[in-house]
Protein backbone atom coordinates (compact mmCIF):
# COMPACT_ATOMS: atom_id res chain seq x y z
CA UNK A 1 -41.96 10.98 128.04
CA UNK A 2 -40.67 14.50 128.15
CA UNK A 3 -37.54 14.65 126.53
CA UNK A 4 -34.58 15.45 129.21
CA UNK A 5 -33.07 18.95 128.61
CA UNK A 6 -28.94 18.86 127.77
CA UNK A 7 -27.20 20.12 130.75
CA UNK A 8 -25.91 23.62 130.05
CA UNK A 9 -23.83 26.13 132.01
CA UNK A 10 -25.76 28.23 135.03
CA UNK A 11 -24.81 31.51 135.09
CA UNK A 12 -26.58 32.06 138.09
CA UNK A 13 -24.45 29.09 140.00
CA UNK A 14 -21.35 30.78 138.82
CA UNK A 15 -22.27 34.09 140.09
CA UNK A 16 -23.31 32.62 143.73
CA UNK A 17 -20.09 30.84 143.88
CA UNK A 18 -17.97 33.93 143.00
CA UNK A 19 -19.98 35.20 145.84
CA UNK A 20 -19.29 32.61 148.18
CA UNK A 21 -15.46 32.81 147.68
CA UNK A 22 -15.97 36.46 148.21
CA UNK A 23 -16.75 36.14 152.12
CA UNK A 24 -13.30 33.60 152.09
CA UNK A 25 -11.65 37.77 152.98
CA UNK A 26 -9.77 38.88 156.21
CA UNK A 27 -11.62 41.77 155.23
CA UNK A 28 -14.92 42.31 156.89
CA UNK A 29 -16.21 45.27 154.51
CA UNK A 30 -14.46 44.01 151.51
CA UNK A 31 -12.19 41.37 149.82
CA UNK A 32 -8.58 40.39 150.35
CA UNK A 33 -7.33 37.11 150.38
CA UNK A 34 -3.36 36.30 150.07
CA UNK A 35 -1.57 33.05 149.46
CA UNK A 36 -0.98 30.66 152.08
CA UNK A 37 -3.94 32.36 154.59
CA UNK A 38 -6.53 30.79 156.44
CA UNK A 39 -9.05 32.94 153.71
CA UNK A 40 -7.02 30.74 151.37
CA UNK A 41 -7.66 27.37 153.19
CA UNK A 42 -11.63 28.13 153.39
CA UNK A 43 -11.58 29.27 149.62
CA UNK A 44 -9.69 25.79 148.79
CA UNK A 45 -11.97 23.62 150.67
CA UNK A 46 -14.75 25.19 148.71
CA UNK A 47 -13.43 24.89 145.41
CA UNK A 48 -11.91 21.41 146.23
CA UNK A 49 -15.68 20.60 146.59
CA UNK A 50 -17.16 22.13 143.65
CA UNK A 51 -14.43 20.17 141.69
CA UNK A 52 -15.87 16.54 143.28
CA UNK A 53 -19.70 17.57 142.65
CA UNK A 54 -18.71 18.53 139.11
CA UNK A 55 -17.09 14.59 138.42
CA UNK A 56 -13.54 15.36 138.94
CA UNK A 57 -10.59 14.15 141.39
CA UNK A 58 -9.35 16.95 143.09
CA UNK A 59 -6.08 17.68 145.38
CA UNK A 60 -4.39 20.42 146.58
CA UNK A 61 -0.56 20.30 144.88
CA UNK A 62 2.97 21.38 146.75
CA UNK A 63 2.54 25.01 145.75
CA UNK A 64 -1.35 25.25 147.58
CA UNK A 65 -2.78 25.36 144.11
CA UNK A 66 -6.55 23.87 143.60
CA UNK A 67 -6.40 20.90 140.56
CA UNK A 68 -9.33 18.86 139.54
CA UNK A 69 -9.06 16.44 137.01
CA UNK A 70 -11.57 14.92 134.35
CA UNK A 71 -10.73 12.05 132.72
CA UNK A 72 -10.98 11.91 129.04
CA UNK A 73 -12.05 8.36 127.12
CA UNK A 74 -9.27 6.21 129.07
CA UNK A 75 -7.37 7.40 132.04
CA UNK A 76 -4.16 8.79 132.04
CA UNK A 77 -4.70 11.06 128.65
CA UNK A 78 -3.11 14.48 128.26
CA UNK A 79 -5.18 16.80 129.41
CA UNK A 80 -6.37 20.09 128.16
CA UNK A 81 -5.62 22.72 131.04
CA UNK A 82 -8.18 25.29 132.34
CA UNK A 83 -7.48 27.77 134.81
CA UNK A 84 -7.01 30.82 136.62
CA UNK A 85 -5.74 32.43 139.99
CA UNK A 86 -8.04 32.54 143.62
CA UNK A 87 -6.02 34.92 145.25
CA UNK A 88 -6.70 38.84 145.07
CA UNK A 89 -5.41 42.15 145.34
CA UNK A 90 -5.96 44.21 148.54
CA UNK A 91 -9.55 45.65 148.57
CA UNK A 92 -10.44 43.46 145.61
CA UNK A 93 -13.65 42.78 143.20
CA UNK A 94 -14.70 39.52 143.23
CA UNK A 95 -14.59 38.27 139.61
CA UNK A 96 -10.59 38.70 138.93
CA UNK A 97 -9.14 35.18 138.58
CA UNK A 98 -12.21 33.61 140.44
CA UNK A 99 -15.08 34.27 137.22
CA UNK A 100 -12.32 31.83 134.95
CA UNK A 101 -12.09 28.87 137.78
CA UNK A 102 -15.57 28.99 138.37
CA UNK A 103 -17.10 28.63 135.32
CA UNK A 104 -14.26 26.16 134.09
CA UNK A 105 -15.92 23.65 136.88
CA UNK A 106 -19.10 24.61 135.36
CA UNK A 107 -18.01 23.56 132.02
CA UNK A 108 -16.89 20.14 133.37
CA UNK A 109 -20.08 19.68 135.47
CA UNK A 110 -21.95 19.94 132.37
CA UNK A 111 -19.86 17.40 130.54
CA UNK A 112 -20.22 15.12 133.61
CA UNK A 113 -24.11 15.33 133.68
CA UNK A 114 -24.09 14.11 129.86
CA UNK A 115 -21.06 11.39 130.69
CA UNK A 116 -19.31 12.69 127.78
CA UNK A 117 -15.74 11.81 127.99
CA UNK A 118 -13.44 13.50 125.59
CA UNK A 119 -10.45 12.32 123.93
CA UNK A 120 -8.39 14.11 126.43
CA UNK A 121 -8.44 14.86 129.56
CA UNK A 122 -9.93 18.25 131.25
CA UNK A 123 -7.67 19.66 134.18
CA UNK A 124 -9.02 22.91 136.25
CA UNK A 125 -6.41 24.85 138.02
CA UNK A 126 -7.26 27.16 140.56
CA UNK A 127 -3.56 28.83 140.95
CA UNK A 128 -2.78 30.05 144.29
CA UNK A 129 -1.14 32.99 143.86
CA UNK A 130 -0.94 35.24 140.69
CA UNK A 131 -1.48 38.57 142.19
CA UNK A 132 1.76 38.52 144.75
CA UNK A 133 0.35 40.45 147.14
CA UNK A 134 1.92 38.80 150.19
CA UNK A 135 5.67 38.01 149.35
CA UNK A 136 5.62 40.39 146.63
CA UNK A 137 5.94 37.96 143.56
CA UNK A 138 3.87 36.73 141.13
CA UNK A 139 2.70 33.93 139.21
CA UNK A 140 3.60 32.07 142.24
CA UNK A 141 1.44 29.16 141.54
CA UNK A 142 1.27 28.85 137.65
CA UNK A 143 5.32 28.97 137.83
CA UNK A 144 5.20 25.87 140.14
CA UNK A 145 2.77 23.97 137.70
CA UNK A 146 5.33 25.51 134.72
CA UNK A 147 8.69 24.59 136.77
CA UNK A 148 9.61 27.78 136.81
CA UNK A 149 9.23 28.45 140.50
CA UNK A 150 12.67 29.76 141.87
CA UNK A 151 13.69 28.26 144.76
CA UNK A 152 14.86 31.68 146.17
CA UNK A 153 11.50 32.94 146.73
CA UNK A 154 11.08 30.55 150.16
CA UNK A 155 13.08 33.19 151.78
CA UNK A 156 10.96 35.89 150.91
CA UNK A 157 9.28 37.72 153.76
CA UNK A 158 5.91 39.21 154.38
CA UNK A 159 5.31 42.17 156.48
CA UNK A 160 5.33 40.62 159.51
CA UNK A 161 8.34 38.98 158.86
CA UNK A 162 7.91 35.32 158.16
CA UNK A 163 9.35 33.72 155.14
CA UNK A 164 7.15 31.69 152.68
CA UNK A 165 9.00 28.86 153.76
CA UNK A 166 7.70 29.38 156.82
CA UNK A 167 3.86 29.90 155.71
CA UNK A 168 3.95 27.05 153.43
CA UNK A 169 5.21 24.65 156.46
CA UNK A 170 1.99 26.24 158.69
CA UNK A 171 -0.52 25.83 155.94
CA UNK A 172 0.58 22.16 155.92
CA UNK A 173 2.77 22.02 152.59
CA UNK A 174 6.77 20.65 152.30
CA UNK A 175 8.55 23.69 150.54
CA UNK A 176 11.08 21.40 149.38
CA UNK A 177 7.81 19.74 147.42
CA UNK A 178 7.13 22.26 145.39
CA UNK A 179 9.00 20.91 141.98
CA UNK A 180 6.86 18.14 142.48
CA UNK A 181 3.94 20.47 141.47
CA UNK A 182 5.78 20.96 138.04
CA UNK A 183 4.05 19.39 134.64
CA UNK A 184 5.73 18.19 131.93
CA UNK A 185 4.69 19.71 128.13
CA UNK A 186 3.60 16.09 126.79
CA UNK A 187 1.20 16.17 129.58
CA UNK A 188 -0.32 19.49 128.54
CA UNK A 189 -2.32 19.89 125.18
CA UNK A 190 -3.14 23.42 125.67
CA UNK A 191 -3.75 26.04 128.52
CA UNK A 192 -6.80 28.24 128.10
CA UNK A 193 -8.26 30.66 130.29
CA UNK A 194 -11.49 32.96 130.54
CA UNK A 195 -11.27 36.08 132.38
CA UNK A 196 -12.93 39.51 132.75
CA UNK A 197 -11.39 42.20 130.49
CA UNK A 198 -10.31 44.41 132.98
CA UNK A 199 -10.42 47.20 130.74
CA UNK A 200 -13.24 49.42 128.50
CA UNK A 201 -12.80 48.04 124.89
CA UNK A 202 -15.45 45.12 124.86
CA UNK A 203 -18.23 47.24 126.64
CA UNK A 204 -17.39 50.36 124.09
CA UNK A 205 -18.07 47.86 121.58
CA UNK A 206 -21.21 46.24 122.82
CA UNK A 207 -19.36 42.62 122.97
CA UNK A 208 -19.94 40.21 126.04
CA UNK A 209 -16.86 38.28 124.89
CA UNK A 210 -13.72 38.41 123.09
CA UNK A 211 -10.19 36.80 122.37
CA UNK A 212 -6.99 37.68 123.31
CA UNK A 213 -4.26 37.62 120.88
CA UNK A 214 -1.09 38.52 123.49
CA UNK A 215 -0.40 39.21 126.70
CA UNK A 216 1.69 42.41 126.53
CA UNK A 217 4.99 42.10 127.71
CA UNK A 218 6.30 45.33 129.86
CA UNK A 219 9.18 47.46 131.26
CA UNK A 220 8.88 49.12 134.59
CA UNK A 221 11.92 52.09 135.08
CA UNK A 222 12.66 53.95 137.83
CA UNK A 223 13.82 57.25 136.27
CA UNK A 224 15.57 60.41 137.95
CA UNK A 225 16.36 63.94 137.05
CA UNK A 226 18.95 66.13 139.05
CA UNK A 227 18.91 69.41 138.49
CA UNK A 228 19.34 72.02 141.08
CA UNK A 229 17.14 73.62 143.95
CA UNK A 230 17.25 77.32 144.53
CA UNK A 231 14.97 79.97 145.83
CA UNK A 232 11.54 80.21 144.05
CA UNK A 233 11.71 83.87 144.12
CA UNK A 234 15.12 85.07 143.35
CA UNK A 235 16.16 82.79 140.45
CA UNK A 236 14.76 84.04 136.97
CA UNK A 237 12.89 81.55 134.79
CA UNK A 238 16.38 81.12 131.96
CA UNK A 239 18.79 80.58 134.46
CA UNK A 240 17.11 77.83 136.25
CA UNK A 241 17.52 73.50 136.15
CA UNK A 242 14.08 72.73 137.27
CA UNK A 243 13.97 68.84 137.60
CA UNK A 244 10.17 68.94 138.04
CA UNK A 245 9.57 71.19 134.75
CA UNK A 246 12.22 68.44 132.76
CA UNK A 247 10.05 65.44 134.69
CA UNK A 248 6.34 67.26 133.29
CA UNK A 249 8.13 67.49 129.73
CA UNK A 250 9.17 63.71 129.99
CA UNK A 251 5.96 62.85 130.87
CA UNK A 252 4.41 64.28 128.06
CA UNK A 253 6.95 62.82 125.87
CA UNK A 254 5.48 59.33 127.02
CA UNK A 255 1.90 59.97 126.02
CA UNK A 256 2.88 61.34 122.82
CA UNK A 257 5.13 58.60 122.13
CA UNK A 258 2.47 55.72 123.43
CA UNK A 259 -0.56 57.60 121.96
CA UNK A 260 0.72 57.46 118.34
CA UNK A 261 0.70 53.50 118.02
CA UNK A 262 -2.30 51.60 118.81
CA UNK A 263 -2.26 49.08 121.87
CA UNK A 264 1.06 50.72 122.79
CA UNK A 265 0.59 52.05 126.26
CA UNK A 266 2.81 54.17 128.66
CA UNK A 267 2.12 55.35 132.06
CA UNK A 268 3.67 57.39 134.39
CA UNK A 269 2.41 56.34 138.05
CA UNK A 270 4.73 57.93 140.67
CA UNK A 271 6.40 61.15 141.08
CA UNK A 272 8.50 62.55 143.79
CA UNK A 273 10.14 65.93 143.78
CA UNK A 274 12.87 67.35 146.09
CA UNK A 275 13.25 69.38 148.22
CA UNK A 276 9.51 69.33 148.02
CA UNK A 277 8.64 72.74 149.65
CA UNK A 278 6.41 75.41 147.89
CA UNK A 279 9.10 78.30 147.81
CA UNK A 280 11.88 75.85 146.69
CA UNK A 281 13.01 75.06 142.81
CA UNK A 282 12.65 71.07 142.72
CA UNK A 283 16.33 70.29 142.36
CA UNK A 284 15.81 66.44 142.19
CA UNK A 285 13.08 64.37 140.90
CA UNK A 286 12.30 60.62 140.80
CA UNK A 287 9.32 59.42 138.63
CA UNK A 288 8.16 55.76 137.60
CA UNK A 289 7.91 54.72 133.88
CA UNK A 290 5.36 51.33 132.87
CA UNK A 291 5.31 50.50 129.31
CA UNK A 292 3.39 47.74 127.73
CA UNK A 293 2.57 46.46 123.85
CA UNK A 294 1.29 43.36 122.27
CA UNK A 295 5.03 42.65 120.54
CA UNK A 296 8.49 42.68 122.18
CA UNK A 297 9.49 44.77 119.08
CA UNK A 298 7.04 47.57 119.43
CA UNK A 299 7.68 47.81 123.33
CA UNK A 300 11.26 47.75 122.64
CA UNK A 301 11.28 50.58 120.01
CA UNK A 302 8.96 52.82 122.39
CA UNK A 303 10.89 52.09 125.14
CA UNK A 304 14.24 53.23 123.61
CA UNK A 305 12.15 56.40 121.74
CA UNK A 306 11.60 57.62 125.37
CA UNK A 307 14.68 57.34 126.60
CA UNK A 308 16.13 59.26 123.92
CA UNK A 309 13.71 62.16 124.92
CA UNK A 310 14.54 62.07 128.54
CA UNK A 311 18.14 61.90 127.30
CA UNK A 312 17.22 65.45 124.96
CA UNK A 313 15.08 67.18 127.69
CA UNK A 314 18.13 66.39 130.69
CA UNK A 315 20.69 67.89 127.95
CA UNK A 316 18.86 70.98 126.89
CA UNK A 317 17.87 71.93 130.87
CA UNK A 318 21.43 71.13 131.90
CA UNK A 319 20.47 68.06 134.05
CA UNK A 320 21.75 64.82 135.01
CA UNK A 321 19.88 61.87 133.95
CA UNK A 322 19.36 58.26 135.64
CA UNK A 323 17.48 55.73 134.26
CA UNK A 324 17.73 52.41 136.04
CA UNK A 325 15.71 49.22 134.84
CA UNK A 326 13.02 47.51 137.52
CA UNK A 327 11.10 44.71 135.97
CA UNK A 328 10.85 43.30 132.21
CA UNK A 329 8.49 40.64 131.16
CA UNK A 330 8.14 39.45 127.69
CA UNK A 331 5.37 39.24 125.53
CA UNK A 332 3.10 36.03 125.66
CA UNK A 333 1.84 35.41 122.66
CA UNK A 334 -1.78 33.71 122.21
CA UNK A 335 -1.47 30.38 119.77
CA UNK A 336 -3.22 31.09 116.41
CA UNK A 337 -4.90 27.79 116.22
CA UNK A 338 -6.29 28.28 119.75
CA UNK A 339 -7.67 31.80 119.05
CA UNK A 340 -9.10 30.28 115.99
CA UNK A 341 -11.28 27.96 117.80
CA UNK A 342 -12.29 30.25 120.56
CA UNK A 343 -13.19 32.23 117.72
CA UNK A 344 -15.45 29.44 116.18
CA UNK A 345 -16.88 28.94 119.51
CA UNK A 346 -18.05 32.66 119.23
CA UNK A 347 -19.35 32.38 115.95
CA UNK A 348 -21.63 29.44 116.61
CA UNK A 349 -23.58 32.17 119.31
CA UNK A 350 -23.88 34.49 116.32
CA UNK A 351 -21.60 36.94 117.72
CA UNK A 352 -19.43 39.06 116.19
CA UNK A 353 -15.37 37.92 117.31
CA UNK A 354 -13.44 40.87 119.00
CA UNK A 355 -9.48 40.52 118.86
CA UNK A 356 -7.66 42.16 121.49
CA UNK A 357 -4.53 42.03 123.32
CA UNK A 358 -4.65 41.72 127.20
CA UNK A 359 -2.77 44.54 128.53
CA UNK A 360 -2.71 43.13 132.03
CA UNK A 361 -0.22 40.10 133.25
CA UNK A 362 -1.95 37.00 133.47
CA UNK A 363 -0.98 33.10 134.53
CA UNK A 364 -0.51 32.42 130.83
CA UNK A 365 2.91 34.52 131.24
CA UNK A 366 4.05 31.34 133.21
CA UNK A 367 1.97 28.71 131.22
CA UNK A 368 3.26 29.21 128.29
CA UNK A 369 6.70 27.93 129.12
CA UNK A 370 4.65 24.07 128.84
CA UNK A 371 1.79 24.98 126.80
CA UNK A 372 0.55 26.90 124.08
CA UNK A 373 -1.98 29.66 125.82
CA UNK A 374 -5.41 31.30 124.68
CA UNK A 375 -7.89 33.18 126.69
CA UNK A 376 -11.27 34.55 126.18
CA UNK A 377 -12.06 37.78 127.89
CA UNK A 378 -15.53 38.76 129.16
CA UNK A 379 -16.81 42.58 129.76
CA UNK A 380 -16.78 43.87 132.76
CA UNK A 381 -18.66 47.41 133.26
CA UNK A 382 -16.69 50.32 132.84
CA UNK A 383 -13.55 48.11 132.49
CA UNK A 384 -12.85 48.29 136.39
CA UNK A 385 -10.83 46.01 137.81
CA UNK A 386 -8.87 45.26 141.15
CA UNK A 387 -11.72 47.38 142.69
CA UNK A 388 -14.57 46.84 144.56
CA UNK A 389 -16.53 48.24 141.86
CA UNK A 390 -15.82 45.30 139.57
CA UNK A 391 -19.48 44.09 137.76
CA UNK A 392 -20.21 41.63 135.38
CA UNK A 393 -23.65 40.88 134.01
CA UNK A 394 -25.68 37.87 134.63
CA UNK A 395 -26.45 37.52 130.72
CA UNK A 396 -22.45 37.85 129.58
CA UNK A 397 -21.64 35.01 131.89
CA UNK A 398 -24.17 32.82 130.58
CA UNK A 399 -22.59 33.89 126.89
CA UNK A 400 -19.40 33.34 128.10
CA UNK A 401 -19.83 30.31 129.56
CA UNK A 402 -21.58 28.43 127.04
CA UNK A 403 -18.49 29.63 124.63
CA UNK A 404 -16.50 28.47 126.43
CA UNK A 405 -18.60 25.05 126.94
CA UNK A 406 -18.37 24.63 123.24
CA UNK A 407 -14.57 25.53 122.71
CA UNK A 408 -13.83 22.63 125.32
CA UNK A 409 -16.19 20.15 123.68
CA UNK A 410 -14.81 20.86 120.18
CA UNK A 411 -11.44 21.48 121.00
CA UNK A 412 -8.85 19.65 118.81
CA UNK A 413 -5.57 19.66 119.95
CA UNK A 414 -2.73 20.69 117.83
CA UNK A 415 -0.70 17.42 117.71
């Protein structure tokens, strides 16, 4: 009799399911799916069914996360948790977050098809909100699982004035039950996530996958420079207190400081000049600063250097300076022992191993509170993400899913 082939992940099915989730959208001509929306309800129904088809028990938790569980050699064992998010930004691509959830389900389906039970359970979680689009608060789903959900978030409102508490109730969830979604450290052996890179490094180096070393920490600031507005035709250049010229010099300082250190990035993404007339010297400028690095020490040194540069520029130009902290996130380092197991899975496919940090935020930033974390990146075209042009190839999905399945099958808990 011919031998039955060993079940392996289907890249074609993974991509078909990404397409199916992309149709759960409030946009007719694009993809937008926000927390506690009718589109989330439709997406959750699909994912729950796929989890059950893959041999898992499946449920919606109190925060709206989709949770599937594949038992180990005996019921009730601690789990290797796999996951990513199922919400999107506005006018999104169809692989950010979704690829990780669907690939994890596909891998569990392969275990089930072989009737293979591991010395631990495997759980797949589709986090309901990571992007924070609707209520302007990120990592809501993973924060609930990690036990770090802030109850004050329940009073946040969307653009229609509806509170999160009201939206949860309308969705059929009990806002006061969110703490029941939290998991304990002894229940979770590790958290691993497959995700598109959202950057150009893997493509530039001709590699389908890479291992994440850390999810970069970041700082955001609102910077204001105060000079003196004046007539563009009558104030001589040496006597000007031009806030916009000082801001331009400050931006060049950001570029110089960030560009001098590998894997450190600094961005000025917004700038507003007042009074904003073509014939008036700008007397006041406000601009944003975003700084990210794979270690907190590197980031803190860079921020200090940039702030010192701004102060020097303001002093030389006789301007006043105000620096307002807006946001800070600590680096979430990926555990070396999980990195090692992901690297071994890549090497088994005879692919060179590339380690790289993640400049974007991910659910691992919340999950690290209860478990060691690891991430596998998948190459995406031109590094484009948060954009309808987001693209991956079937060949890369095939490689990535094989690597991820091998990682799961050979996973060895630290404890």
